Amino acid sequence: MDYRKLVEMVSAAKREALSSKLVDVILLSKNDEKMTGQLANTILYYWQHGTLMTESGLTALLEAAVLLEPDKTVEIFTALELAELAAEIKDAVVKA
């Protein structure tokens, strides 16, 4: 799945809410053993620089959220009225 391509399709108006919700999913996940150290460090880097809402920051958050909690990630996209993107994520997870 091309996470960056999905993030590019998210409007600027929804990026802050998406970032916040993805951070919550990642922090509350009980599947933290699935996260690679490299991905965790990437997210930490973007957080420290205040750039989680940028394309690169959201791409890392999306990758982590799909890895840790794919169903909850789909729910977030659906709740933010990003149904087309939610369907793409769901299809990619099913195929994996």
N, C-alpha and C. Protein backbone atom coordinates (compact mmCIF):
# COMPACT_ATOMS: atom_id res chain seq x y z
N MET A 1 0.86 -1.18 0.00
CA MET A 1 0.00 0.00 0.00
C MET A 1 0.90 1.24 0.00
N ASP A 2 0.55 2.20 -0.82
CA ASP A 2 1.32 3.44 -0.92
C ASP A 2 0.71 4.46 0.06
N TYR A 3 1.29 4.51 1.26
CA TYR A 3 0.76 5.38 2.31
C TYR A 3 0.84 6.85 1.92
N ARG A 4 1.92 7.23 1.27
CA ARG A 4 2.07 8.64 0.87
C ARG A 4 0.97 9.05 -0.11
N LYS A 5 0.66 8.16 -1.04
CA LYS A 5 -0.39 8.46 -2.02
C LYS A 5 -1.74 8.67 -1.31
N LEU A 6 -2.02 7.84 -0.31
CA LEU A 6 -3.26 8.01 0.44
C LEU A 6 -3.28 9.34 1.18
N VAL A 7 -2.16 9.68 1.80
CA VAL A 7 -2.08 10.94 2.56
C VAL A 7 -2.25 12.14 1.63
N GLU A 8 -1.71 12.06 0.44
CA GLU A 8 -1.84 13.16 -0.52
C GLU A 8 -3.30 13.44 -0.86
N MET A 9 -4.15 12.44 -0.72
CA MET A 9 -5.56 12.58 -1.06
C MET A 9 -6.39 13.17 0.09
N VAL A 10 -5.76 13.35 1.26
CA VAL A 10 -6.45 13.94 2.41
C VAL A 10 -6.35 15.45 2.31
N SER A 11 -7.48 16.12 2.41
CA SER A 11 -7.47 17.59 2.31
C SER A 11 -6.74 18.20 3.51
N ALA A 12 -6.20 19.37 3.29
CA ALA A 12 -5.47 20.08 4.34
C ALA A 12 -6.37 20.33 5.55
N ALA A 13 -7.64 20.54 5.32
CA ALA A 13 -8.58 20.82 6.40
C ALA A 13 -8.77 19.64 7.34
N LYS A 14 -8.50 18.44 6.87
CA LYS A 14 -8.72 17.24 7.70
C LYS A 14 -7.43 16.66 8.27
N ARG A 15 -6.32 17.22 7.91
CA ARG A 15 -5.03 16.64 8.33
C ARG A 15 -4.78 16.74 9.83
N GLU A 16 -5.16 17.84 10.44
CA GLU A 16 -4.94 17.98 11.89
C GLU A 16 -5.76 16.95 12.66
N ALA A 17 -7.02 16.81 12.31
CA ALA A 17 -7.88 15.83 12.99
C ALA A 17 -7.37 14.41 12.75
N LEU A 18 -6.96 14.13 11.52
CA LEU A 18 -6.46 12.80 11.20
C LEU A 18 -5.19 12.51 11.99
N SER A 19 -4.29 13.46 12.04
CA SER A 19 -3.04 13.29 12.80
C SER A 19 -3.34 12.98 14.26
N SER A 20 -4.20 13.75 14.85
CA SER A 20 -4.55 13.57 16.27
C SER A 20 -5.15 12.19 16.53
N LYS A 21 -6.07 11.78 15.68
CA LYS A 21 -6.74 10.49 15.86
C LYS A 21 -5.78 9.32 15.63
N LEU A 22 -4.89 9.44 14.67
CA LEU A 22 -3.92 8.37 14.42
C LEU A 22 -2.93 8.25 15.58
N VAL A 23 -2.52 9.37 16.14
CA VAL A 23 -1.63 9.34 17.31
C VAL A 23 -2.33 8.61 18.46
N ASP A 24 -3.60 8.92 18.69
CA ASP A 24 -4.35 8.25 19.75
C ASP A 24 -4.40 6.75 19.54
N VAL A 25 -4.67 6.32 18.32
CA VAL A 25 -4.75 4.89 18.02
C VAL A 25 -3.40 4.22 18.28
N ILE A 26 -2.34 4.87 17.86
CA ILE A 26 -1.00 4.30 18.04
C ILE A 26 -0.65 4.20 19.53
N LEU A 27 -0.91 5.27 20.27
CA LEU A 27 -0.55 5.28 21.69
C LEU A 27 -1.39 4.31 22.53
N LEU A 28 -2.63 4.09 22.13
CA LEU A 28 -3.52 3.21 22.90
C LEU A 28 -3.47 1.75 22.46
N SER A 29 -2.75 1.47 21.40
CA SER A 29 -2.70 0.11 20.87
C SER A 29 -1.98 -0.84 21.83
N LYS A 30 -2.50 -2.03 21.92
CA LYS A 30 -1.86 -3.08 22.71
C LYS A 30 -0.99 -3.96 21.81
N ASN A 31 -0.87 -3.59 20.55
CA ASN A 31 -0.09 -4.36 19.58
C ASN A 31 1.26 -3.71 19.30
N ASP A 32 1.81 -3.02 20.28
CA ASP A 32 3.03 -2.25 20.05
C ASP A 32 4.22 -3.10 19.60
N GLU A 33 4.19 -4.40 19.84
CA GLU A 33 5.29 -5.26 19.41
C GLU A 33 5.38 -5.35 17.88
N LYS A 34 4.32 -4.97 17.19
CA LYS A 34 4.33 -4.99 15.72
C LYS A 34 5.08 -3.81 15.11
N MET A 35 5.30 -2.78 15.92
CA MET A 35 5.95 -1.56 15.41
C MET A 35 7.46 -1.75 15.37
N THR A 36 8.04 -1.41 14.24
CA THR A 36 9.50 -1.48 14.12
C THR A 36 10.13 -0.29 14.84
N GLY A 37 11.34 -0.47 15.28
CA GLY A 37 12.06 0.62 15.92
C GLY A 37 12.27 1.79 14.98
N GLN A 38 12.52 1.48 13.72
CA GLN A 38 12.75 2.54 12.74
C GLN A 38 11.50 3.39 12.56
N LEU A 39 10.33 2.75 12.48
CA LEU A 39 9.09 3.50 12.30
C LEU A 39 8.80 4.34 13.55
N ALA A 40 9.03 3.77 14.73
CA ALA A 40 8.83 4.52 15.98
C ALA A 40 9.75 5.74 16.03
N ASN A 41 10.99 5.57 15.62
CA ASN A 41 11.94 6.69 15.61
C ASN A 41 11.54 7.75 14.60
N THR A 42 11.01 7.33 13.47
CA THR A 42 10.55 8.29 12.46
C THR A 42 9.42 9.14 13.01
N ILE A 43 8.45 8.48 13.66
CA ILE A 43 7.32 9.22 14.25
C ILE A 43 7.82 10.17 15.33
N LEU A 44 8.72 9.69 16.17
CA LEU A 44 9.28 10.53 17.23
C LEU A 44 9.98 11.76 16.63
N TYR A 45 10.72 11.56 15.55
CA TYR A 45 11.39 12.68 14.88
C TYR A 45 10.38 13.74 14.44
N TYR A 46 9.32 13.30 13.76
CA TYR A 46 8.31 14.25 13.28
C TYR A 46 7.60 14.94 14.45
N TRP A 47 7.35 14.20 15.52
CA TRP A 47 6.72 14.78 16.70
C TRP A 47 7.61 15.85 17.32
N GLN A 48 8.90 15.53 17.47
CA GLN A 48 9.83 16.48 18.07
C GLN A 48 9.97 17.76 17.25
N HIS A 49 9.80 17.66 15.95
CA HIS A 49 9.92 18.83 15.07
C HIS A 49 8.58 19.47 14.76
N GLY A 50 7.51 18.98 15.38
CA GLY A 50 6.18 19.57 15.19
C GLY A 50 5.65 19.40 13.78
N THR A 51 6.02 18.30 13.13
CA THR A 51 5.63 18.12 11.73
C THR A 51 4.80 16.85 11.49
N LEU A 52 4.06 16.41 12.50
CA LEU A 52 3.23 15.22 12.32
C LEU A 52 2.09 15.46 11.32
N MET A 53 1.71 16.71 11.09
CA MET A 53 0.61 17.00 10.18
C MET A 53 1.07 17.19 8.73
N THR A 54 2.37 17.11 8.50
CA THR A 54 2.88 17.22 7.14
C THR A 54 2.64 15.90 6.41
N GLU A 55 2.84 15.90 5.11
CA GLU A 55 2.69 14.67 4.34
C GLU A 55 3.57 13.56 4.89
N SER A 56 4.81 13.87 5.16
CA SER A 56 5.74 12.86 5.66
C SER A 56 5.34 12.35 7.04
N GLY A 57 4.96 13.26 7.91
CA GLY A 57 4.53 12.88 9.26
C GLY A 57 3.28 12.02 9.24
N LEU A 58 2.29 12.44 8.45
CA LEU A 58 1.05 11.66 8.34
C LEU A 58 1.29 10.31 7.69
N THR A 59 2.22 10.25 6.76
CA THR A 59 2.54 8.98 6.12
C THR A 59 3.06 7.99 7.15
N ALA A 60 3.96 8.44 8.01
CA ALA A 60 4.50 7.57 9.06
C ALA A 60 3.40 7.17 10.05
N LEU A 61 2.56 8.11 10.43
CA LEU A 61 1.47 7.80 11.36
C LEU A 61 0.50 6.78 10.75
N LEU A 62 0.18 6.98 9.48
CA LEU A 62 -0.75 6.07 8.81
C LEU A 62 -0.16 4.66 8.73
N GLU A 63 1.10 4.57 8.37
CA GLU A 63 1.75 3.26 8.29
C GLU A 63 1.69 2.55 9.64
N ALA A 64 2.00 3.27 10.70
CA ALA A 64 1.99 2.68 12.04
C ALA A 64 0.57 2.28 12.46
N ALA A 65 -0.39 3.15 12.20
CA ALA A 65 -1.77 2.86 12.60
C ALA A 65 -2.31 1.64 11.87
N VAL A 66 -2.03 1.53 10.58
CA VAL A 66 -2.49 0.36 9.81
C VAL A 66 -1.80 -0.90 10.32
N LEU A 67 -0.55 -0.80 10.65
CA LEU A 67 0.21 -1.94 11.16
C LEU A 67 -0.34 -2.40 12.51
N LEU A 68 -0.62 -1.45 13.40
CA LEU A 68 -1.04 -1.78 14.76
C LEU A 68 -2.54 -2.05 14.88
N GLU A 69 -3.35 -1.22 14.26
CA GLU A 69 -4.80 -1.28 14.42
C GLU A 69 -5.51 -0.99 13.10
N PRO A 70 -5.47 -1.92 12.16
CA PRO A 70 -6.07 -1.64 10.84
C PRO A 70 -7.56 -1.33 10.90
N ASP A 71 -8.32 -2.05 11.70
CA ASP A 71 -9.76 -1.80 11.77
C ASP A 71 -10.08 -0.42 12.33
N LYS A 72 -9.37 -0.03 13.37
CA LYS A 72 -9.59 1.29 13.96
C LYS A 72 -9.17 2.40 12.99
N THR A 73 -8.15 2.13 12.22
CA THR A 73 -7.69 3.11 11.23
C THR A 73 -8.77 3.33 10.18
N VAL A 74 -9.37 2.25 9.73
CA VAL A 74 -10.47 2.35 8.76
C VAL A 74 -11.63 3.14 9.37
N GLU A 75 -11.94 2.88 10.63
CA GLU A 75 -13.01 3.61 11.32
C GLU A 75 -12.72 5.11 11.36
N ILE A 76 -11.50 5.48 11.61
CA ILE A 76 -11.11 6.90 11.66
C ILE A 76 -11.34 7.56 10.31
N PHE A 77 -10.89 6.92 9.25
CA PHE A 77 -11.07 7.49 7.91
C PHE A 77 -12.56 7.60 7.57
N THR A 78 -13.33 6.62 7.97
CA THR A 78 -14.77 6.67 7.72
C THR A 78 -15.41 7.82 8.50
N ALA A 79 -15.03 7.97 9.77
CA ALA A 79 -15.60 9.03 10.60
C ALA A 79 -15.24 10.42 10.08
N LEU A 80 -14.09 10.54 9.45
CA LEU A 80 -13.66 11.83 8.88
C LEU A 80 -14.19 12.04 7.47
N GLU A 81 -15.13 11.20 7.07
CA GLU A 81 -15.77 11.27 5.76
C GLU A 81 -14.75 11.10 4.63
N LEU A 82 -13.85 10.14 4.85
CA LEU A 82 -12.86 9.78 3.84
C LEU A 82 -13.10 8.32 3.46
N ALA A 83 -14.34 8.05 3.08
CA ALA A 83 -14.79 6.67 2.84
C ALA A 83 -14.00 5.98 1.73
N GLU A 84 -13.67 6.71 0.68
CA GLU A 84 -12.92 6.11 -0.43
C GLU A 84 -11.55 5.63 0.04
N LEU A 85 -10.89 6.45 0.86
CA LEU A 85 -9.59 6.07 1.40
C LEU A 85 -9.73 4.93 2.41
N ALA A 86 -10.80 4.96 3.20
CA ALA A 86 -11.06 3.87 4.15
C ALA A 86 -11.21 2.55 3.41
N ALA A 87 -11.91 2.58 2.29
CA ALA A 87 -12.11 1.36 1.49
C ALA A 87 -10.78 0.86 0.92
N GLU A 88 -9.93 1.77 0.48
CA GLU A 88 -8.60 1.36 -0.04
C GLU A 88 -7.76 0.70 1.04
N ILE A 89 -7.79 1.28 2.24
CA ILE A 89 -7.03 0.71 3.34
C ILE A 89 -7.58 -0.67 3.70
N LYS A 90 -8.90 -0.76 3.78
CA LYS A 90 -9.54 -2.04 4.12
C LYS A 90 -9.19 -3.12 3.09
N ASP A 91 -9.27 -2.77 1.82
CA ASP A 91 -8.94 -3.73 0.76
C ASP A 91 -7.48 -4.18 0.85
N ALA A 92 -6.58 -3.24 1.11
CA ALA A 92 -5.16 -3.58 1.20
C ALA A 92 -4.88 -4.48 2.39
N VAL A 93 -5.56 -4.24 3.51
CA VAL A 93 -5.36 -5.06 4.70
C VAL A 93 -5.88 -6.47 4.49
N VAL A 94 -7.00 -6.59 3.82
CA VAL A 94 -7.59 -7.90 3.54
C VAL A 94 -6.66 -8.71 2.65
N LYS A 95 -6.04 -8.06 1.68
CA LYS A 95 -5.15 -8.74 0.73
C LYS A 95 -3.83 -9.15 1.38
N ALA A 96 -3.45 -8.46 2.44
CA ALA A 96 -2.14 -8.73 3.08
C ALA A 96 -2.11 -10.02 3.86
